[in-house]
C-alpha atoms as a PDB file:
ATOM      1  CA  MET A   1     252.943 103.236  18.928  1.00  0.00           C
ATOM      2  CA  THR A   2     250.093 104.850  17.032  1.00  0.00           C
ATOM      3  CA  VAL A   3     246.624 103.309  16.796  1.00  0.00           C
ATOM      4  CA  LEU A   4     244.288 104.197  13.940  1.00  0.00           C
ATOM      5  CA  TYR A   5     240.619 103.234  13.757  1.00  0.00           C
ATOM      6  CA  CYS A   6     238.307 102.858  10.791  1.00  0.00           C
ATOM      7  CA  TRP A   7     234.503 102.592  10.985  1.00  0.00           C
ATOM      8  CA  ASN A   8     231.516 102.774   8.662  1.00  0.00           C
ATOM      9  CA  VAL A   9     229.031 104.400  11.019  1.00  0.00           C
ATOM     10  CA  ASN A  10     226.017 104.183   8.684  1.00  0.00           C
ATOM     11  CA  GLY A  11     225.099 107.777   9.512  1.00  0.00           C
ATOM     12  CA  LEU A  12     227.077 109.824  12.019  1.00  0.00           C
ATOM     13  CA  ARG A  13     224.034 111.409  13.630  1.00  0.00           C
ATOM     14  CA  ALA A  14     222.454 107.978  14.091  1.00  0.00           C
ATOM     15  CA  VAL A  15     225.542 106.431  15.670  1.00  0.00           C
ATOM     16  CA  ILE A  16     225.907 109.405  18.022  1.00  0.00           C
ATOM     17  CA  LYS A  17     222.448 108.526  19.336  1.00  0.00           C
ATOM     18  CA  ASN A  18     223.739 104.987  19.922  1.00  0.00           C
ATOM     19  CA  GLY A  19     226.654 105.830  22.210  1.00  0.00           C
ATOM     20  CA  PHE A  20     229.329 106.963  19.763  1.00  0.00           C
ATOM     21  CA  LEU A  21     230.459 109.953  21.823  1.00  0.00           C
ATOM     22  CA  ASP A  22     230.967 107.857  24.946  1.00  0.00           C
ATOM     23  CA  TRP A  23     233.016 105.360  22.941  1.00  0.00           C
ATOM     24  CA  PHE A  24     235.042 108.085  21.230  1.00  0.00           C
ATOM     25  CA  ASN A  25     235.728 110.100  24.381  1.00  0.00           C
ATOM     26  CA  THR A  26     236.695 107.021  26.364  1.00  0.00           C
ATOM     27  CA  LEU A  27     238.956 105.569  23.691  1.00  0.00           C
ATOM     28  CA  GLN A  28     240.439 108.876  22.486  1.00  0.00           C
ATOM     29  CA  PRO A  29     241.899 107.232  19.363  1.00  0.00           C
ATOM     30  CA  HIS A  30     244.849 108.861  17.686  1.00  0.00           C
ATOM     31  CA  THR A  31     243.022 108.798  14.363  1.00  0.00           C
ATOM     32  CA  LEU A  32     239.505 107.754  13.421  1.00  0.00           C
ATOM     33  CA  CYS A  33     238.455 107.364   9.790  1.00  0.00           C
ATOM     34  CA  LEU A  34     234.702 107.297   9.245  1.00  0.00           C
ATOM     35  CA  GLN A  35     232.681 106.232   6.234  1.00  0.00           C
ATOM     36  CA  GLU A  36     229.041 106.814   5.317  1.00  0.00           C
ATOM     37  CA  THR A  37     228.817 109.893   7.525  1.00  0.00           C
ATOM     38  CA  ARG A  38     225.717 111.104   5.668  1.00  0.00           C
ATOM     39  CA  LEU A  39     225.910 114.754   6.711  1.00  0.00           C
ATOM     40  CA  LEU A  40     227.354 118.121   5.814  1.00  0.00           C
ATOM     41  CA  PRO A  41     229.936 119.818   8.069  1.00  0.00           C
ATOM     42  CA  GLU A  42     227.369 122.389   9.207  1.00  0.00           C
ATOM     43  CA  GLU A  43     225.125 119.543  10.379  1.00  0.00           C
ATOM     44  CA  VAL A  44     227.721 118.021  12.714  1.00  0.00           C
ATOM     45  CA  PRO A  45     226.518 117.895  16.335  1.00  0.00           C
ATOM     46  CA  THR A  46     228.216 120.515  18.508  1.00  0.00           C
ATOM     47  CA  ALA A  47     229.073 117.949  21.175  1.00  0.00           C
ATOM     48  CA  LEU A  48     231.419 116.221  18.751  1.00  0.00           C
ATOM     49  CA  LEU A  49     233.160 119.388  17.607  1.00  0.00           C
ATOM     50  CA  GLU A  50     233.792 120.356  21.231  1.00  0.00           C
ATOM     51  CA  THR A  51     236.087 117.340  21.658  1.00  0.00           C
ATOM     52  CA  GLU A  52     239.505 118.810  22.425  1.00  0.00           C
ATOM     53  CA  GLY A  53     242.758 117.845  20.770  1.00  0.00           C
ATOM     54  CA  TYR A  54     241.405 116.815  17.370  1.00  0.00           C
ATOM     55  CA  HIS A  55     241.562 118.081  13.830  1.00  0.00           C
ATOM     56  CA  PHE A  56     238.339 117.316  11.948  1.00  0.00           C
ATOM     57  CA  TYR A  57     238.523 116.783   8.191  1.00  0.00           C
ATOM     58  CA  TRP A  58     235.213 116.453   6.353  1.00  0.00           C
ATOM     59  CA  ASN A  59     234.548 115.102   2.861  1.00  0.00           C
ATOM     60  CA  PRO A  60     230.755 115.090   2.400  1.00  0.00           C
ATOM     61  CA  ALA A  61     228.727 114.045  -0.605  1.00  0.00           C
ATOM     62  CA  GLU A  62     226.877 116.738  -2.509  1.00  0.00           C
ATOM     63  CA  LYS A  63     223.633 114.839  -1.957  1.00  0.00           C
ATOM     64  CA  ARG A  64     222.305 115.399   1.549  1.00  0.00           C
ATOM     65  CA  GLY A  65     222.070 112.372   3.800  1.00  0.00           C
ATOM     66  CA  TYR A  66     224.225 110.206   1.545  1.00  0.00           C
ATOM     67  CA  SER A  67     227.709 108.660   1.555  1.00  0.00           C
ATOM     68  CA  GLY A  68     230.661 110.820   2.706  1.00  0.00           C
ATOM     69  CA  THR A  69     233.895 110.323   4.632  1.00  0.00           C
ATOM     70  CA  ALA A  70     235.503 112.130   7.565  1.00  0.00           C
ATOM     71  CA  THR A  71     238.706 111.801   9.550  1.00  0.00           C
ATOM     72  CA  PHE A  72     239.303 112.908  13.146  1.00  0.00           C
ATOM     73  CA  THR A  73     242.964 112.966  14.137  1.00  0.00           C
ATOM     74  CA  LYS A  74     245.308 114.331  16.767  1.00  0.00           C
ATOM     75  CA  ALA A  75     247.976 114.864  14.098  1.00  0.00           C
ATOM     76  CA  GLU A  76     247.381 117.825  11.801  1.00  0.00           C
ATOM     77  CA  ALA A  77     247.926 116.809   8.182  1.00  0.00           C
ATOM     78  CA  ASP A  78     250.317 118.656   5.890  1.00  0.00           C
ATOM     79  CA  ASN A  79     247.644 118.593   3.220  1.00  0.00           C
ATOM     80  CA  VAL A  80     244.234 117.024   2.637  1.00  0.00           C
ATOM     81  CA  THR A  81     243.082 116.126  -0.869  1.00  0.00           C
ATOM     82  CA  THR A  82     240.492 114.035  -2.704  1.00  0.00           C
ATOM     83  CA  LEU A  83     240.727 111.823  -5.785  1.00  0.00           C
ATOM     84  CA  GLY A  84     240.202 114.808  -8.033  1.00  0.00           C
ATOM     85  CA  VAL A  85     237.669 112.871 -10.111  1.00  0.00           C
ATOM     86  CA  PRO A  86     234.296 114.656 -10.079  1.00  0.00           C
ATOM     87  CA  GLU A  87     232.116 111.537 -10.312  1.00  0.00           C
ATOM     88  CA  PHE A  88     233.695 110.183  -7.117  1.00  0.00           C
ATOM     89  CA  ASP A  89     234.413 113.448  -5.320  1.00  0.00           C
ATOM     90  CA  LYS A  90     230.757 114.476  -5.482  1.00  0.00           C
ATOM     91  CA  GLU A  91     229.929 111.402  -3.383  1.00  0.00           C
ATOM     92  CA  GLY A  92     232.741 111.994  -0.863  1.00  0.00           C
ATOM     93  CA  ARG A  93     234.336 108.661  -1.691  1.00  0.00           C
ATOM     94  CA  ALA A  94     238.003 109.253  -0.843  1.00  0.00           C
ATOM     95  CA  GLN A  95     240.023 111.515   1.429  1.00  0.00           C
ATOM     96  CA  PHE A  96     243.844 111.707   1.421  1.00  0.00           C
ATOM     97  CA  LEU A  97     245.682 112.987   4.521  1.00  0.00           C
ATOM     98  CA  HIS A  98     249.298 113.697   3.652  1.00  0.00           C
ATOM     99  CA  TYR A  99     252.028 113.312   6.276  1.00  0.00           C
ATOM    100  CA  LYS A 100     255.791 113.038   6.044  1.00  0.00           C
ATOM    101  CA  ASP A 101     255.727 109.354   7.029  1.00  0.00           C
ATOM    102  CA  TYR A 102     252.735 108.193   4.998  1.00  0.00           C
ATOM    103  CA  VAL A 103     249.545 109.166   3.222  1.00  0.00           C
ATOM    104  CA  LEU A 104     246.384 108.019   4.988  1.00  0.00           C
ATOM    105  CA  VAL A 105     243.586 107.297   2.517  1.00  0.00           C
ATOM    106  CA  ASN A 106     240.078 107.056   3.957  1.00  0.00           C
ATOM    107  CA  THR A 107     237.664 105.499   1.465  1.00  0.00           C
ATOM    108  CA  TYR A 108     234.046 104.488   1.064  1.00  0.00           C
ATOM    109  CA  TRP A 109     233.889 102.229  -1.978  1.00  0.00           C
ATOM    110  CA  PRO A 110     230.619 102.199  -3.928  1.00  0.00           C
ATOM    111  CA  ASN A 111     228.074  99.440  -3.452  1.00  0.00           C
ATOM    112  CA  SER A 112     227.562  97.677  -6.782  1.00  0.00           C
ATOM    113  CA  GLN A 113     223.879  97.110  -5.899  1.00  0.00           C
ATOM    114  CA  GLU A 114     221.442  94.435  -6.978  1.00  0.00           C
ATOM    115  CA  GLU A 115     221.576  93.296 -10.595  1.00  0.00           C
ATOM    116  CA  ARG A 116     224.980  94.999 -10.896  1.00  0.00           C
ATOM    117  CA  LYS A 117     223.332  98.413 -11.330  1.00  0.00           C
ATOM    118  CA  ARG A 118     226.416 100.335 -10.124  1.00  0.00           C
ATOM    119  CA  LEU A 119     229.045  97.723 -10.893  1.00  0.00           C
ATOM    120  CA  PRO A 120     230.668  99.752 -13.717  1.00  0.00           C
ATOM    121  CA  TYR A 121     230.886 102.761 -11.373  1.00  0.00           C
ATOM    122  CA  LYS A 122     232.353 100.528  -8.653  1.00  0.00           C
ATOM    123  CA  LEU A 123     234.960  99.032 -10.980  1.00  0.00           C
ATOM    124  CA  ASP A 124     235.923 102.483 -12.253  1.00  0.00           C
ATOM    125  CA  PHE A 125     236.482 103.520  -8.643  1.00  0.00           C
ATOM    126  CA  CYS A 126     238.677 100.459  -8.045  1.00  0.00           C
ATOM    127  CA  VAL A 127     240.862 101.430 -10.987  1.00  0.00           C
ATOM    128  CA  CYS A 128     240.968 105.085  -9.971  1.00  0.00           C
ATOM    129  CA  ILE A 129     241.949 104.470  -6.349  1.00  0.00           C
ATOM    130  CA  GLY A 130     244.586 101.954  -7.448  1.00  0.00           C
ATOM    131  CA  GLU A 131     246.136 104.427  -9.864  1.00  0.00           C
ATOM    132  CA  ALA A 132     246.125 107.170  -7.226  1.00  0.00           C
ATOM    133  CA  LEU A 133     247.958 104.932  -4.752  1.00  0.00           C
ATOM    134  CA  ASP A 134     250.397 103.729  -7.399  1.00  0.00           C
ATOM    135  CA  SER A 135     251.262 107.345  -8.173  1.00  0.00           C
ATOM    136  CA  LEU A 136     252.010 108.049  -4.514  1.00  0.00           C
ATOM    137  CA  VAL A 137     254.127 104.919  -4.093  1.00  0.00           C
ATOM    138  CA  GLN A 138     256.080 105.711  -7.252  1.00  0.00           C
ATOM    139  CA  LYS A 139     256.929 109.072  -5.691  1.00  0.00           C
ATOM    140  CA  GLY A 140     258.391 107.303  -2.656  1.00  0.00           C
ATOM    141  CA  LYS A 141     255.357 107.671  -0.380  1.00  0.00           C
ATOM    142  CA  ASN A 142     253.979 104.995   1.900  1.00  0.00           C
ATOM    143  CA  VAL A 143     250.210 104.587   1.917  1.00  0.00           C
ATOM    144  CA  ILE A 144     247.587 103.326   4.349  1.00  0.00           C
ATOM    145  CA  LEU A 145     244.281 102.603   2.624  1.00  0.00           C
ATOM    146  CA  CYS A 146     241.362 102.049   4.956  1.00  0.00           C
ATOM    147  CA  GLY A 147     237.618 101.978   4.723  1.00  0.00           C
ATOM    148  CA  ASP A 148     234.542 100.096   3.657  1.00  0.00           C
ATOM    149  CA  TYR A 149     235.522  98.456   0.363  1.00  0.00           C
ATOM    150  CA  ASN A 150     232.102  96.797  -0.050  1.00  0.00           C
ATOM    151  CA  ILE A 151     233.900  93.629  -1.218  1.00  0.00           C
ATOM    152  CA  ALA A 152     234.209  90.268   0.494  1.00  0.00           C
ATOM    153  CA  HIS A 153     237.377  89.077  -1.219  1.00  0.00           C
ATOM    154  CA  THR A 154     237.351  85.306  -0.709  1.00  0.00           C
ATOM    155  CA  GLU A 155     235.089  82.594   0.703  1.00  0.00           C
ATOM    156  CA  ILE A 156     236.460  82.958   4.232  1.00  0.00           C
ATOM    157  CA  ASP A 157     235.352  86.588   4.226  1.00  0.00           C
ATOM    158  CA  LEU A 158     231.621  85.879   4.424  1.00  0.00           C
ATOM    159  CA  ALA A 159     229.527  83.367   6.281  1.00  0.00           C
ATOM    160  CA  ARG A 160     227.560  82.053   3.311  1.00  0.00           C
ATOM    161  CA  PRO A 161     229.612  82.349   0.117  1.00  0.00           C
ATOM    162  CA  LYS A 162     227.625  79.882  -1.989  1.00  0.00           C
ATOM    163  CA  GLN A 163     224.356  81.649  -1.286  1.00  0.00           C
ATOM    164  CA  ASN A 164     225.850  85.038  -2.180  1.00  0.00           C
ATOM    165  CA  GLU A 165     227.613  84.393  -5.471  1.00  0.00           C
ATOM    166  CA  ASN A 166     225.167  86.755  -7.164  1.00  0.00           C
ATOM    167  CA  SER A 167     225.053  89.303  -4.357  1.00  0.00           C
ATOM    168  CA  ALA A 168     226.513  92.805  -4.418  1.00  0.00           C
ATOM    169  CA  GLY A 169     229.871  92.794  -2.672  1.00  0.00           C
ATOM    170  CA  TYR A 170     230.642  89.262  -3.819  1.00  0.00           C
ATOM    171  CA  TYR A 171     230.274  89.522  -7.582  1.00  0.00           C
ATOM    172  CA  ILE A 172     233.188  87.820  -9.318  1.00  0.00           C
ATOM    173  CA  GLU A 173     234.127  91.105 -11.015  1.00  0.00           C
ATOM    174  CA  GLU A 174     234.540  92.823  -7.642  1.00  0.00           C
ATOM    175  CA  ARG A 175     236.597  90.017  -6.180  1.00  0.00           C
ATOM    176  CA  GLU A 176     238.837  89.979  -9.234  1.00  0.00           C
ATOM    177  CA  ALA A 177     239.298  93.738  -8.924  1.00  0.00           C
ATOM    178  CA  MET A 178     240.404  93.252  -5.319  1.00  0.00           C
ATOM    179  CA  THR A 179     242.823  90.505  -6.347  1.00  0.00           C
ATOM    180  CA  GLU A 180     244.274  92.734  -9.044  1.00  0.00           C
ATOM    181  CA  PHE A 181     244.625  95.634  -6.625  1.00  0.00           C
ATOM    182  CA  LEU A 182     246.557  93.558  -4.082  1.00  0.00           C
ATOM    183  CA  ALA A 183     248.763  92.130  -6.840  1.00  0.00           C
ATOM    184  CA  ARG A 184     249.948  95.660  -7.619  1.00  0.00           C
ATOM    185  CA  GLY A 185     251.911  95.660  -4.368  1.00  0.00           C
ATOM    186  CA  TYR A 186     249.437  96.123  -1.515  1.00  0.00           C
ATOM    187  CA  GLU A 187     248.716  93.999   1.538  1.00  0.00           C
ATOM    188  CA  ASP A 188     245.398  93.076   3.170  1.00  0.00           C
ATOM    189  CA  LEU A 189     246.781  93.284   6.690  1.00  0.00           C
ATOM    190  CA  TYR A 190     244.126  91.294   8.524  1.00  0.00           C
ATOM    191  CA  ARG A 191     244.155  88.371   6.107  1.00  0.00           C
ATOM    192  CA  ASN A 192     247.947  88.363   5.844  1.00  0.00           C
ATOM    193  CA  ARG A 193     248.339  88.138   9.605  1.00  0.00           C
ATOM    194  CA  TYR A 194     245.381  85.861  10.239  1.00  0.00           C
ATOM    195  CA  PRO A 195     245.027  83.705   7.106  1.00  0.00           C
ATOM    196  CA  ASP A 196     242.590  81.214   8.624  1.00  0.00           C
ATOM    197  CA  LYS A 197     240.733  83.411  11.097  1.00  0.00           C
ATOM    198  CA  VAL A 198     237.040  84.059  10.594  1.00  0.00           C
ATOM    199  CA  GLY A 199     236.181  87.665  11.349  1.00  0.00           C
ATOM    200  CA  TYR A 200     233.393  89.848  10.019  1.00  0.00           C
ATOM    201  CA  THR A 201     232.906  93.620   9.930  1.00  0.00           C
ATOM    202  CA  TRP A 202     229.341  93.931   8.621  1.00  0.00           C
ATOM    203  CA  TRP A 203     226.078  92.188   9.447  1.00  0.00           C
ATOM    204  CA  SER A 204     222.644  92.694   7.933  1.00  0.00           C
ATOM    205  CA  TYR A 205     220.026  94.123  10.255  1.00  0.00           C
ATOM    206  CA  ARG A 206     217.747  91.306   9.149  1.00  0.00           C
ATOM    207  CA  SER A 207     217.115  88.021  10.975  1.00  0.00           C
ATOM    208  CA  GLY A 208     219.423  88.761  13.897  1.00  0.00           C
ATOM    209  CA  ALA A 209     222.472  88.296  11.674  1.00  0.00           C
ATOM    210  CA  ARG A 210     224.924  89.925  14.063  1.00  0.00           C
ATOM    211  CA  LYS A 211     223.799  87.906  17.059  1.00  0.00           C
ATOM    212  CA  ARG A 212     224.194  84.756  14.956  1.00  0.00           C
ATOM    213  CA  ASN A 213     227.440  86.090  13.419  1.00  0.00           C
ATOM    214  CA  ILE A 214     226.204  85.689   9.853  1.00  0.00           C
ATOM    215  CA  GLY A 215     228.409  88.429   8.488  1.00  0.00           C
ATOM    216  CA  TRP A 216     230.825  89.703   5.870  1.00  0.00           C
ATOM    217  CA  ARG A 217     234.352  91.120   6.080  1.00  0.00           C
ATOM    218  CA  ILE A 218     234.135  94.100   3.751  1.00  0.00           C
ATOM    219  CA  ASP A 219     236.161  96.698   5.705  1.00  0.00           C
ATOM    220  CA  TYR A 220     239.939  96.738   5.404  1.00  0.00           C
ATOM    221  CA  PHE A 221     243.275  98.244   6.289  1.00  0.00           C
ATOM    222  CA  CYS A 222     245.738  97.829   3.413  1.00  0.00           C
ATOM    223  CA  VAL A 223     249.257  99.204   3.011  1.00  0.00           C
ATOM    224  CA  ASN A 224     251.898  99.143   0.309  1.00  0.00           C
ATOM    225  CA  THR A 225     254.135  96.109   0.737  1.00  0.00           C
ATOM    226  CA  ALA A 226     257.207  98.115   1.746  1.00  0.00           C
ATOM    227  CA  PHE A 227     255.319  99.650   4.677  1.00  0.00           C
ATOM    228  CA  GLN A 228     253.985  96.455   6.233  1.00  0.00           C
ATOM    229  CA  ASP A 229     257.027  96.023   8.488  1.00  0.00           C
ATOM    230  CA  GLN A 230     255.878  99.202  10.273  1.00  0.00           C
ATOM    231  CA  VAL A 231     252.643  97.484  11.311  1.00  0.00           C
ATOM    232  CA  GLU A 232     252.433  96.037  14.814  1.00  0.00           C
ATOM    233  CA  ASP A 233     248.926  94.565  14.567  1.00  0.00           C
ATOM    234  CA  THR A 234     245.424  94.950  13.211  1.00  0.00           C
ATOM    235  CA  ALA A 235     242.123  93.863  14.719  1.00  0.00           C
ATOM    236  CA  ILE A 236     238.386  93.672  14.129  1.00  0.00           C
ATOM    237  CA  ARG A 237     236.596  95.382  17.031  1.00  0.00           C
ATOM    238  CA  ASP A 238     233.345  93.446  16.878  1.00  0.00           C
ATOM    239  CA  ASP A 239     232.528  94.226  20.509  1.00  0.00           C
ATOM    240  CA  VAL A 240     231.648  97.798  19.468  1.00  0.00           C
ATOM    241  CA  PHE A 241     228.034  98.412  18.448  1.00  0.00           C
ATOM    242  CA  GLY A 242     226.001 101.307  17.069  1.00  0.00           C
ATOM    243  CA  SER A 243     226.185 100.573  13.335  1.00  0.00           C
ATOM    244  CA  ASP A 244     225.705  97.582  11.051  1.00  0.00           C
ATOM    245  CA  HIS A 245     229.508  97.651  10.745  1.00  0.00           C
ATOM    246  CA  CYS A 246     232.067  97.397  13.534  1.00  0.00           C
ATOM    247  CA  PRO A 247     235.358  99.324  13.734  1.00  0.00           C
ATOM    248  CA  LEU A 248     238.801  98.058  12.755  1.00  0.00           C
ATOM    249  CA  SER A 249     242.068  99.095  14.360  1.00  0.00           C
ATOM    250  CA  LEU A 250     245.611  99.343  13.042  1.00  0.00           C
ATOM    251  CA  THR A 251     248.577  99.655  15.389  1.00  0.00           C
ATOM    252  CA  LEU A 252     251.749 101.138  13.921  1.00  0.00           C
ATOM    253  CA  LYS A 253     255.168 100.700  15.499  1.00  0.00           C
ATOM    254  CA  SER A 254     255.971 104.367  14.957  1.00  0.00           C
ATOM    255  CA  ALA A 255     254.851 107.247  17.122  1.00  0.00           C
ATOM    256  CA  THR A 256     252.702 110.135  15.933  1.00  0.00           C
ATOM    257  CA  PRO A 257     253.277 110.850  12.210  1.00  0.00           C
ATOM    258  CA  SER A 258     255.544 113.818  11.659  1.00  0.00           C
ATOM    259  CA  LYS A 259     254.753 116.877   9.594  1.00  0.00           C
ATOM    260  CA  GLY A 260     256.869 118.172   6.783  1.00  0.00           C
ATOM    261  CA  LYS A 261     257.557 116.941   3.286  1.00  0.00           C
ATOM    262  CA  LYS A 262     259.337 113.631   2.929  1.00  0.00           C
END
């Protein structure tokens, strides 16, 4: 089996100071998809790059100290691409690792912000990522879409839904976009497998929210429907600290993804 991890680290340099390297070196995950790395490749700490057995793929934002995605994996990809849309690529929003067995898509969805300031940008991203995945599936590819979606889809996905109806991440437009995305033929693996289970992936730093478990589930692993029978399990790893998010894991029944065109 192959285990993939996904984690918004809220700044890679910051999380390294909070024990990330010990966690990473002990776990030695097959693949780790990071969001909100907030650094350029030349700013990556040497201690991380010295980790043996990994291929490091970086997708930074143009703006220093902002956004960005990165993937560390033991399986070299056939090809690595981005959305190809300048307004999203300049913020390092999406990274596509192409393998024979599937395409792994590591994403950091925009925050719509207070008063819906970036909601149009967020909704455009939702459409764009959906179309990109649809194109891959139509070509016979399987897709794994992971990352921080910055959307709590339904009431069970946040501790205080009524109080947050006008909060970024729970605007009705965002939730409808998520519903529409899933209806196109994609599966929210955690909610499908655990329909009634309360589990959160993000907690505000304010008021001891994590200790009190006043959180939101805004990080996901999704796959195209045809690929879900290849999934063994998925889990929220809320015992891992260092960021305001916790990691997620996805266990596939298959071994290491193979190279070569499908």
